[in-house]
Amino acid sequence: MSDPNSDTQFGGPDEKTQVLPETAVALVELERLQIELAASEERAKNHWEQYLRALADVDNVRKRAAKDLESARQFAVERFAQELVGVKDSLELAVQNASGANAGKADVASLVEGQNATLRLLSKAFEKAQIEEVNPEGKPFNPELHEAMMAQPSDAAPNTVLAVVQRGYTLNGRLLRAARVVVSAPRS
């Protein structure tokens, strides 16, 4: 009663045994892929969170650096200003001694002594602030550090600084003010 075509037509026992292992393999592969997908999604989520934290850290560092820079800019001259307060006190004392009720009592020697003391205070303040004089007398003219006010015929080598009209200053090697100088020129 069994028709040889009926097994093939309705999927006989041989066909079922072949389909089931393929389905089981596919299910196992599907489960493995789902686990792998979940793990990849978790890693992606962790990486995204790490990225956001790093972005926030960079933003915080940038804000802190800007704040520190502003603070440094605001208080950079504080030490120098403290040094200058003493210089101002000394100058006020000299003016007080030279004028008003003390005018007759002040002598030139004590005024000069006071001015020298004030100059020493100012020089120390400059030294602490790393402000250096540019006093190039007798040296070759350097347009980066000197401003020629005039050329004067001289026996000195051409473009030699003969005299300093106004000293220049540098701050940490950077020019604050060029020295104004008289430069030698060849005799005609």
N, C-alpha and C. Protein backbone atom coordinates (compact mmCIF):
# COMPACT_ATOMS: atom_id res chain seq x y z
N MET A 1 0.77 -1.17 0.00
CA MET A 1 0.00 0.00 0.00
C MET A 1 0.82 1.26 0.00
N SER A 2 1.98 1.05 0.09
CA SER A 2 2.80 2.24 0.08
C SER A 2 3.25 2.50 -1.33
N ASP A 3 3.10 3.69 -1.68
CA ASP A 3 3.45 4.13 -3.01
C ASP A 3 4.87 4.66 -2.97
N PRO A 4 5.72 4.20 -3.88
CA PRO A 4 7.10 4.68 -3.84
C PRO A 4 7.18 6.19 -4.06
N ASN A 5 6.23 6.77 -4.73
CA ASN A 5 6.25 8.21 -4.96
C ASN A 5 5.75 8.99 -3.76
N SER A 6 4.99 8.34 -2.90
CA SER A 6 4.41 9.05 -1.77
C SER A 6 5.47 9.53 -0.80
N ASP A 7 6.56 8.76 -0.59
CA ASP A 7 7.63 9.20 0.33
C ASP A 7 8.31 10.46 -0.21
N THR A 8 8.51 10.49 -1.49
CA THR A 8 9.18 11.62 -2.09
C THR A 8 8.25 12.82 -2.11
N GLN A 9 6.98 12.51 -2.41
CA GLN A 9 6.03 13.59 -2.54
C GLN A 9 5.72 14.24 -1.20
N PHE A 10 5.61 13.46 -0.16
CA PHE A 10 5.26 14.00 1.15
C PHE A 10 6.44 14.10 2.08
N GLY A 11 7.57 13.89 1.58
CA GLY A 11 8.76 14.00 2.41
C GLY A 11 8.89 12.80 3.30
N GLY A 12 9.50 11.79 2.83
CA GLY A 12 9.64 10.56 3.57
C GLY A 12 10.61 10.67 4.71
N PRO A 13 10.83 9.57 5.42
CA PRO A 13 11.69 9.58 6.59
C PRO A 13 13.12 9.97 6.27
N ASP A 14 13.63 9.64 5.12
CA ASP A 14 15.00 10.00 4.79
C ASP A 14 15.16 11.51 4.65
N GLU A 15 14.16 12.13 4.05
CA GLU A 15 14.22 13.57 3.84
C GLU A 15 14.11 14.31 5.17
N LYS A 16 13.26 13.85 6.09
CA LYS A 16 13.10 14.50 7.39
C LYS A 16 14.40 14.46 8.18
N THR A 17 15.09 13.36 8.15
CA THR A 17 16.34 13.26 8.90
C THR A 17 17.39 14.19 8.32
N GLN A 18 17.35 14.45 7.05
CA GLN A 18 18.31 15.37 6.46
C GLN A 18 17.95 16.83 6.76
N VAL A 19 16.67 17.16 6.81
CA VAL A 19 16.23 18.52 7.05
C VAL A 19 16.46 18.90 8.51
N LEU A 20 16.21 18.06 9.43
CA LEU A 20 16.35 18.36 10.84
C LEU A 20 17.78 18.73 11.22
N PRO A 21 18.79 17.99 10.82
CA PRO A 21 20.14 18.41 11.16
C PRO A 21 20.50 19.76 10.53
N GLU A 22 20.05 20.04 9.33
CA GLU A 22 20.33 21.34 8.71
C GLU A 22 19.65 22.45 9.49
N THR A 23 18.44 22.21 9.92
CA THR A 23 17.70 23.20 10.71
C THR A 23 18.39 23.40 12.05
N ALA A 24 18.81 22.34 12.67
CA ALA A 24 19.50 22.44 13.96
C ALA A 24 20.80 23.22 13.80
N VAL A 25 21.54 22.96 12.75
CA VAL A 25 22.79 23.68 12.49
C VAL A 25 22.48 25.16 12.26
N ALA A 26 21.42 25.44 11.50
CA ALA A 26 21.04 26.82 11.24
C ALA A 26 20.62 27.51 12.52
N LEU A 27 19.88 26.81 13.38
CA LEU A 27 19.45 27.39 14.66
C LEU A 27 20.66 27.68 15.56
N VAL A 28 21.60 26.75 15.60
CA VAL A 28 22.81 26.95 16.40
C VAL A 28 23.60 28.14 15.85
N GLU A 29 23.71 28.21 14.54
CA GLU A 29 24.42 29.33 13.91
C GLU A 29 23.70 30.65 14.19
N LEU A 30 22.35 30.63 14.10
CA LEU A 30 21.56 31.83 14.39
C LEU A 30 21.76 32.27 15.83
N GLU A 31 21.75 31.31 16.75
CA GLU A 31 21.96 31.64 18.17
C GLU A 31 23.36 32.22 18.39
N ARG A 32 24.36 31.62 17.75
CA ARG A 32 25.73 32.12 17.87
C ARG A 32 25.82 33.55 17.32
N LEU A 33 25.20 33.80 16.17
CA LEU A 33 25.22 35.13 15.58
C LEU A 33 24.48 36.15 16.44
N GLN A 34 23.37 35.72 17.08
CA GLN A 34 22.64 36.62 17.97
C GLN A 34 23.49 36.98 19.19
N ILE A 35 24.20 36.00 19.73
CA ILE A 35 25.09 36.25 20.88
C ILE A 35 26.22 37.18 20.46
N GLU A 36 26.78 36.92 19.29
CA GLU A 36 27.86 37.77 18.77
C GLU A 36 27.37 39.20 18.52
N LEU A 37 26.15 39.32 17.97
CA LEU A 37 25.55 40.64 17.74
C LEU A 37 25.34 41.38 19.06
N ALA A 38 24.83 40.69 20.06
CA ALA A 38 24.61 41.32 21.37
C ALA A 38 25.94 41.78 21.97
N ALA A 39 26.97 40.95 21.85
CA ALA A 39 28.29 41.32 22.38
C ALA A 39 28.84 42.53 21.61
N SER A 40 28.66 42.54 20.29
CA SER A 40 29.14 43.67 19.48
C SER A 40 28.38 44.95 19.83
N GLU A 41 27.08 44.83 20.04
CA GLU A 41 26.29 45.99 20.44
C GLU A 41 26.74 46.51 21.80
N GLU A 42 27.06 45.61 22.72
CA GLU A 42 27.54 46.02 24.06
C GLU A 42 28.90 46.72 23.94
N ARG A 43 29.79 46.16 23.10
CA ARG A 43 31.09 46.80 22.89
C ARG A 43 30.91 48.18 22.26
N ALA A 44 30.03 48.29 21.27
CA ALA A 44 29.77 49.58 20.63
C ALA A 44 29.22 50.58 21.64
N LYS A 45 28.32 50.13 22.50
CA LYS A 45 27.77 51.01 23.54
C LYS A 45 28.87 51.47 24.48
N ASN A 46 29.75 50.55 24.89
CA ASN A 46 30.87 50.91 25.78
C ASN A 46 31.82 51.89 25.10
N HIS A 47 32.11 51.64 23.82
CA HIS A 47 33.00 52.55 23.09
C HIS A 47 32.36 53.93 22.96
N TRP A 48 31.07 53.98 22.71
CA TRP A 48 30.37 55.27 22.60
C TRP A 48 30.44 56.02 23.93
N GLU A 49 30.22 55.31 25.03
CA GLU A 49 30.29 55.95 26.35
C GLU A 49 31.71 56.44 26.64
N GLN A 50 32.72 55.64 26.27
CA GLN A 50 34.11 56.06 26.45
C GLN A 50 34.40 57.30 25.61
N TYR A 51 33.88 57.33 24.40
CA TYR A 51 34.06 58.49 23.52
C TYR A 51 33.44 59.73 24.14
N LEU A 52 32.22 59.60 24.65
CA LEU A 52 31.55 60.75 25.26
C LEU A 52 32.30 61.23 26.50
N ARG A 53 32.82 60.29 27.31
CA ARG A 53 33.61 60.69 28.49
C ARG A 53 34.89 61.39 28.06
N ALA A 54 35.56 60.86 27.03
CA ALA A 54 36.79 61.50 26.54
C ALA A 54 36.49 62.89 25.98
N LEU A 55 35.38 63.02 25.29
CA LEU A 55 34.97 64.32 24.76
C LEU A 55 34.72 65.31 25.89
N ALA A 56 34.06 64.85 26.95
CA ALA A 56 33.81 65.72 28.11
C ALA A 56 35.13 66.08 28.80
N ASP A 57 36.05 65.11 28.90
CA ASP A 57 37.35 65.38 29.51
C ASP A 57 38.12 66.43 28.72
N VAL A 58 38.11 66.30 27.40
CA VAL A 58 38.80 67.28 26.55
C VAL A 58 38.18 68.66 26.72
N ASP A 59 36.87 68.72 26.78
CA ASP A 59 36.19 70.00 26.97
C ASP A 59 36.55 70.60 28.33
N ASN A 60 36.60 69.76 29.37
CA ASN A 60 36.98 70.25 30.70
C ASN A 60 38.41 70.75 30.73
N VAL A 61 39.32 70.04 30.07
CA VAL A 61 40.72 70.47 30.01
C VAL A 61 40.82 71.80 29.28
N ARG A 62 40.08 71.93 28.18
CA ARG A 62 40.09 73.18 27.41
C ARG A 62 39.57 74.34 28.27
N LYS A 63 38.48 74.12 28.98
CA LYS A 63 37.93 75.17 29.84
C LYS A 63 38.90 75.52 30.96
N ARG A 64 39.52 74.50 31.57
CA ARG A 64 40.46 74.75 32.66
C ARG A 64 41.68 75.51 32.14
N ALA A 65 42.17 75.13 30.95
CA ALA A 65 43.33 75.83 30.37
C ALA A 65 42.97 77.28 30.07
N ALA A 66 41.78 77.52 29.54
CA ALA A 66 41.36 78.90 29.26
C ALA A 66 41.26 79.70 30.55
N LYS A 67 40.74 79.08 31.59
CA LYS A 67 40.62 79.76 32.88
C LYS A 67 42.01 80.06 33.46
N ASP A 68 42.91 79.07 33.38
CA ASP A 68 44.28 79.27 33.88
C ASP A 68 44.99 80.36 33.09
N LEU A 69 44.80 80.37 31.78
CA LEU A 69 45.43 81.39 30.94
C LEU A 69 44.90 82.78 31.30
N GLU A 70 43.61 82.89 31.49
CA GLU A 70 43.02 84.18 31.87
C GLU A 70 43.55 84.62 33.23
N SER A 71 43.66 83.68 34.16
CA SER A 71 44.18 84.00 35.49
C SER A 71 45.64 84.43 35.40
N ALA A 72 46.42 83.72 34.61
CA ALA A 72 47.83 84.07 34.44
C ALA A 72 47.96 85.45 33.81
N ARG A 73 47.12 85.72 32.82
CA ARG A 73 47.15 87.02 32.16
C ARG A 73 46.80 88.13 33.15
N GLN A 74 45.80 87.86 33.98
CA GLN A 74 45.32 88.86 34.92
C GLN A 74 46.34 89.16 36.00
N PHE A 75 47.04 88.13 36.48
CA PHE A 75 47.93 88.31 37.61
C PHE A 75 49.41 88.21 37.24
N ALA A 76 49.72 88.21 35.94
CA ALA A 76 51.10 88.05 35.49
C ALA A 76 52.00 89.16 36.01
N VAL A 77 51.49 90.35 36.10
CA VAL A 77 52.32 91.48 36.51
C VAL A 77 52.25 91.74 38.02
N GLU A 78 51.57 90.87 38.75
CA GLU A 78 51.38 91.11 40.18
C GLU A 78 52.71 91.26 40.92
N ARG A 79 53.65 90.33 40.71
CA ARG A 79 54.95 90.44 41.39
C ARG A 79 55.66 91.72 41.01
N PHE A 80 55.65 92.03 39.73
CA PHE A 80 56.31 93.24 39.25
C PHE A 80 55.64 94.47 39.86
N ALA A 81 54.33 94.46 39.91
CA ALA A 81 53.59 95.59 40.48
C ALA A 81 53.95 95.76 41.96
N GLN A 82 54.11 94.66 42.68
CA GLN A 82 54.49 94.75 44.09
C GLN A 82 55.86 95.40 44.23
N GLU A 83 56.77 95.08 43.32
CA GLU A 83 58.10 95.70 43.34
C GLU A 83 58.01 97.20 43.05
N LEU A 84 57.14 97.56 42.14
CA LEU A 84 57.01 98.97 41.76
C LEU A 84 56.39 99.83 42.86
N VAL A 85 55.62 99.23 43.74
CA VAL A 85 55.03 99.98 44.84
C VAL A 85 56.13 100.61 45.69
N GLY A 86 57.20 99.86 45.95
CA GLY A 86 58.33 100.39 46.71
C GLY A 86 59.02 101.54 45.98
N VAL A 87 59.12 101.43 44.67
CA VAL A 87 59.73 102.50 43.87
C VAL A 87 58.87 103.76 43.98
N LYS A 88 57.57 103.61 43.88
CA LYS A 88 56.67 104.76 44.00
C LYS A 88 56.79 105.40 45.38
N ASP A 89 56.84 104.58 46.43
CA ASP A 89 57.01 105.12 47.78
C ASP A 89 58.28 105.96 47.87
N SER A 90 59.36 105.44 47.30
CA SER A 90 60.64 106.14 47.33
C SER A 90 60.56 107.47 46.57
N LEU A 91 59.92 107.46 45.42
CA LEU A 91 59.77 108.69 44.64
C LEU A 91 58.91 109.72 45.38
N GLU A 92 57.84 109.26 46.01
CA GLU A 92 56.99 110.18 46.78
C GLU A 92 57.76 110.81 47.93
N LEU A 93 58.59 110.01 48.59
CA LEU A 93 59.40 110.53 49.70
C LEU A 93 60.38 111.59 49.18
N ALA A 94 60.98 111.34 48.02
CA ALA A 94 61.92 112.31 47.44
C ALA A 94 61.21 113.61 47.10
N VAL A 95 60.02 113.52 46.52
CA VAL A 95 59.26 114.72 46.18
C VAL A 95 58.87 115.47 47.44
N GLN A 96 58.45 114.72 48.45
CA GLN A 96 58.06 115.34 49.72
C GLN A 96 59.24 116.08 50.35
N ASN A 97 60.40 115.48 50.32
CA ASN A 97 61.60 116.10 50.90
C ASN A 97 62.06 117.31 50.11
N ALA A 98 61.79 117.33 48.81
CA ALA A 98 62.26 118.43 47.96
C ALA A 98 61.28 119.59 47.89
N SER A 99 60.08 119.41 48.37
CA SER A 99 59.09 120.48 48.24
C SER A 99 58.44 120.81 49.59
N GLY A 100 57.66 121.83 49.59
CA GLY A 100 56.88 122.20 50.76
C GLY A 100 57.73 122.65 51.92
N ALA A 101 57.37 122.20 53.11
CA ALA A 101 58.04 122.62 54.35
C ALA A 101 59.47 122.14 54.41
N ASN A 102 59.77 121.05 53.72
CA ASN A 102 61.12 120.48 53.77
C ASN A 102 62.04 121.06 52.70
N ALA A 103 61.55 121.93 51.85
CA ALA A 103 62.33 122.42 50.72
C ALA A 103 63.63 123.06 51.15
N GLY A 104 63.64 123.82 52.18
CA GLY A 104 64.86 124.47 52.64
C GLY A 104 65.82 123.50 53.28
N LYS A 105 65.31 122.42 53.86
CA LYS A 105 66.16 121.46 54.58
C LYS A 105 66.83 120.46 53.64
N ALA A 106 66.21 120.23 52.49
CA ALA A 106 66.76 119.23 51.58
C ALA A 106 68.00 119.77 50.88
N ASP A 107 69.01 118.97 50.85
CA ASP A 107 70.20 119.37 50.10
C ASP A 107 70.33 118.46 48.88
N VAL A 108 71.09 118.89 47.94
CA VAL A 108 71.24 118.19 46.68
C VAL A 108 71.80 116.79 46.90
N ALA A 109 72.74 116.63 47.79
CA ALA A 109 73.36 115.32 48.03
C ALA A 109 72.32 114.31 48.51
N SER A 110 71.44 114.72 49.42
CA SER A 110 70.44 113.76 49.92
C SER A 110 69.40 113.44 48.84
N LEU A 111 69.08 114.42 47.99
CA LEU A 111 68.16 114.14 46.89
C LEU A 111 68.77 113.16 45.89
N VAL A 112 70.03 113.36 45.58
CA VAL A 112 70.72 112.44 44.66
C VAL A 112 70.80 111.05 45.28
N GLU A 113 71.08 110.99 46.57
CA GLU A 113 71.14 109.70 47.26
C GLU A 113 69.78 109.00 47.20
N GLY A 114 68.70 109.76 47.41
CA GLY A 114 67.35 109.20 47.33
C GLY A 114 67.02 108.71 45.93
N GLN A 115 67.41 109.47 44.94
CA GLN A 115 67.16 109.06 43.56
C GLN A 115 67.95 107.80 43.21
N ASN A 116 69.19 107.71 43.69
CA ASN A 116 69.99 106.51 43.45
C ASN A 116 69.36 105.29 44.12
N ALA A 117 68.85 105.49 45.34
CA ALA A 117 68.18 104.38 46.04
C ALA A 117 66.94 103.94 45.25
N THR A 118 66.20 104.90 44.75
CA THR A 118 65.01 104.58 43.95
C THR A 118 65.40 103.85 42.67
N LEU A 119 66.46 104.31 42.02
CA LEU A 119 66.94 103.65 40.81
C LEU A 119 67.37 102.21 41.10
N ARG A 120 68.02 101.99 42.24
CA ARG A 120 68.42 100.63 42.61
C ARG A 120 67.19 99.75 42.83
N LEU A 121 66.16 100.29 43.49
CA LEU A 121 64.91 99.53 43.68
C LEU A 121 64.29 99.16 42.34
N LEU A 122 64.26 100.12 41.44
CA LEU A 122 63.68 99.86 40.12
C LEU A 122 64.52 98.85 39.34
N SER A 123 65.83 98.95 39.43
CA SER A 123 66.71 98.00 38.73
C SER A 123 66.51 96.59 39.26
N LYS A 124 66.36 96.45 40.58
CA LYS A 124 66.10 95.12 41.17
C LYS A 124 64.75 94.58 40.70
N ALA A 125 63.75 95.46 40.64
CA ALA A 125 62.43 95.04 40.15
C ALA A 125 62.53 94.57 38.70
N PHE A 126 63.27 95.30 37.88
CA PHE A 126 63.48 94.90 36.49
C PHE A 126 64.19 93.55 36.42
N GLU A 127 65.21 93.38 37.23
CA GLU A 127 65.98 92.13 37.22
C GLU A 127 65.08 90.95 37.59
N LYS A 128 64.26 91.12 38.62
CA LYS A 128 63.36 90.04 39.04
C LYS A 128 62.34 89.72 37.96
N ALA A 129 61.93 90.74 37.22
CA ALA A 129 60.95 90.54 36.15
C ALA A 129 61.62 90.15 34.83
N GLN A 130 62.93 90.00 34.83
CA GLN A 130 63.74 89.63 33.66
C GLN A 130 63.62 90.67 32.55
N ILE A 131 63.58 91.94 32.97
CA ILE A 131 63.63 93.05 32.02
C ILE A 131 65.08 93.50 31.95
N GLU A 132 65.66 93.45 30.76
CA GLU A 132 67.07 93.78 30.59
C GLU A 132 67.22 95.01 29.70
N GLU A 133 68.24 95.80 30.02
CA GLU A 133 68.55 97.00 29.22
C GLU A 133 69.21 96.61 27.91
N VAL A 134 68.90 97.38 26.87
CA VAL A 134 69.61 97.28 25.60
C VAL A 134 70.41 98.57 25.51
N ASN A 135 71.72 98.46 25.79
CA ASN A 135 72.61 99.62 25.78
C ASN A 135 73.78 99.29 24.86
N PRO A 136 73.61 99.51 23.55
CA PRO A 136 74.54 99.00 22.56
C PRO A 136 75.71 99.91 22.18
N GLU A 137 76.06 100.85 23.01
CA GLU A 137 77.11 101.79 22.64
C GLU A 137 78.39 101.04 22.27
N GLY A 138 78.97 101.40 21.09
CA GLY A 138 80.21 100.79 20.62
C GLY A 138 79.99 99.48 19.88
N LYS A 139 78.78 99.01 19.80
CA LYS A 139 78.49 97.74 19.12
C LYS A 139 77.89 98.02 17.74
N PRO A 140 77.91 97.01 16.86
CA PRO A 140 77.30 97.20 15.53
C PRO A 140 75.79 97.45 15.64
N PHE A 141 75.29 98.28 14.75
CA PHE A 141 73.86 98.59 14.71
C PHE A 141 73.07 97.34 14.34
N ASN A 142 72.01 97.06 15.09
CA ASN A 142 71.14 95.92 14.83
C ASN A 142 69.70 96.45 14.71
N PRO A 143 69.13 96.47 13.52
CA PRO A 143 67.80 97.06 13.34
C PRO A 143 66.70 96.32 14.11
N GLU A 144 66.97 95.10 14.55
CA GLU A 144 65.98 94.38 15.34
C GLU A 144 65.92 94.88 16.78
N LEU A 145 67.03 95.50 17.25
CA LEU A 145 67.09 95.97 18.64
C LEU A 145 67.27 97.47 18.75
N HIS A 146 67.67 98.12 17.66
CA HIS A 146 68.01 99.54 17.71
C HIS A 146 67.19 100.34 16.70
N GLU A 147 66.94 101.59 17.05
CA GLU A 147 66.29 102.53 16.13
C GLU A 147 67.26 103.68 15.91
N ALA A 148 67.71 103.84 14.68
CA ALA A 148 68.68 104.89 14.37
C ALA A 148 67.97 106.24 14.34
N MET A 149 68.43 107.15 15.20
CA MET A 149 67.85 108.49 15.26
C MET A 149 68.56 109.42 14.27
N MET A 150 69.86 109.16 14.10
CA MET A 150 70.64 109.96 13.14
C MET A 150 71.95 109.24 12.85
N ALA A 151 72.56 109.62 11.75
CA ALA A 151 73.88 109.10 11.38
C ALA A 151 74.86 110.26 11.51
N GLN A 152 76.01 109.96 12.08
CA GLN A 152 77.01 111.00 12.32
C GLN A 152 78.33 110.55 11.72
N PRO A 153 78.98 111.41 10.93
CA PRO A 153 80.29 111.04 10.37
C PRO A 153 81.27 110.73 11.51
N SER A 154 82.01 109.65 11.32
CA SER A 154 82.92 109.22 12.39
C SER A 154 84.02 108.37 11.80
N ASP A 155 85.11 108.24 12.58
CA ASP A 155 86.21 107.36 12.18
C ASP A 155 85.90 105.90 12.54
N ALA A 156 84.85 105.68 13.32
CA ALA A 156 84.46 104.31 13.71
C ALA A 156 83.94 103.57 12.48
N ALA A 157 83.92 102.26 12.57
CA ALA A 157 83.40 101.46 11.47
C ALA A 157 81.97 101.88 11.16
N PRO A 158 81.60 101.89 9.88
CA PRO A 158 80.23 102.29 9.52
C PRO A 158 79.20 101.42 10.26
N ASN A 159 78.08 102.05 10.59
CA ASN A 159 76.97 101.39 11.29
C ASN A 159 77.34 100.90 12.68
N THR A 160 78.23 101.62 13.33
CA THR A 160 78.55 101.34 14.73
C THR A 160 77.75 102.33 15.58
N VAL A 161 77.23 101.86 16.70
CA VAL A 161 76.46 102.74 17.58
C VAL A 161 77.44 103.65 18.30
N LEU A 162 77.33 104.96 18.05
CA LEU A 162 78.22 105.94 18.69
C LEU A 162 77.67 106.39 20.04
N ALA A 163 76.37 106.56 20.12
CA ALA A 163 75.75 107.05 21.36
C ALA A 163 74.35 106.48 21.47
N VAL A 164 73.91 106.33 22.71
CA VAL A 164 72.55 105.86 22.97
C VAL A 164 71.74 107.06 23.45
N VAL A 165 70.73 107.43 22.69
CA VAL A 165 69.86 108.55 23.05
C VAL A 165 68.86 108.10 24.11
N GLN A 166 68.32 106.90 23.92
CA GLN A 166 67.37 106.33 24.88
C GLN A 166 67.57 104.82 24.89
N ARG A 167 67.80 104.27 26.07
CA ARG A 167 68.04 102.83 26.18
C ARG A 167 66.79 102.04 25.79
N GLY A 168 67.04 100.86 25.28
CA GLY A 168 65.94 99.94 24.97
C GLY A 168 65.83 98.89 26.06
N TYR A 169 64.77 98.09 25.99
CA TYR A 169 64.55 97.06 27.00
C TYR A 169 63.97 95.80 26.35
N THR A 170 64.38 94.66 26.92
CA THR A 170 63.81 93.38 26.50
C THR A 170 63.18 92.71 27.72
N LEU A 171 62.17 91.92 27.48
CA LEU A 171 61.52 91.12 28.51
C LEU A 171 61.63 89.67 28.09
N ASN A 172 62.41 88.90 28.85
CA ASN A 172 62.65 87.49 28.52
C ASN A 172 63.14 87.34 27.08
N GLY A 173 64.00 88.24 26.66
CA GLY A 173 64.57 88.16 25.32
C GLY A 173 63.71 88.78 24.23
N ARG A 174 62.52 89.21 24.57
CA ARG A 174 61.62 89.83 23.59
C ARG A 174 61.68 91.35 23.75
N LEU A 175 61.80 92.04 22.63
CA LEU A 175 61.98 93.49 22.66
C LEU A 175 60.73 94.20 23.17
N LEU A 176 60.92 95.01 24.23
CA LEU A 176 59.85 95.89 24.72
C LEU A 176 59.93 97.24 24.03
N ARG A 177 61.14 97.77 23.96
CA ARG A 177 61.37 99.06 23.32
C ARG A 177 62.76 99.04 22.71
N ALA A 178 62.85 99.48 21.47
CA ALA A 178 64.15 99.54 20.79
C ALA A 178 64.99 100.67 21.37
N ALA A 179 66.29 100.47 21.41
CA ALA A 179 67.20 101.53 21.86
C ALA A 179 67.31 102.55 20.74
N ARG A 180 67.17 103.81 21.09
CA ARG A 180 67.32 104.89 20.10
C ARG A 180 68.77 105.32 20.11
N VAL A 181 69.40 105.27 18.93
CA VAL A 181 70.85 105.43 18.88
C VAL A 181 71.30 106.38 17.77
N VAL A 182 72.55 106.83 17.93
CA VAL A 182 73.25 107.59 16.90
C VAL A 182 74.23 106.61 16.27
N VAL A 183 74.20 106.51 14.94
CA VAL A 183 75.01 105.52 14.23
C VAL A 183 76.11 106.22 13.46
N SER A 184 77.28 105.56 13.36
CA SER A 184 78.40 106.15 12.63
C SER A 184 78.16 106.04 11.13
N ALA A 185 78.62 107.07 10.45
CA ALA A 185 78.57 107.09 8.98
C ALA A 185 79.98 107.40 8.51
N PRO A 186 80.36 106.95 7.33
CA PRO A 186 81.70 107.26 6.83
C PRO A 186 81.84 108.77 6.58
N ARG A 187 83.04 109.26 6.80
CA ARG A 187 83.30 110.69 6.54
C ARG A 187 83.30 110.92 5.03
N SER A 188 82.78 112.05 4.62
CA SER A 188 82.71 112.35 3.18
C SER A 188 83.99 112.92 2.68
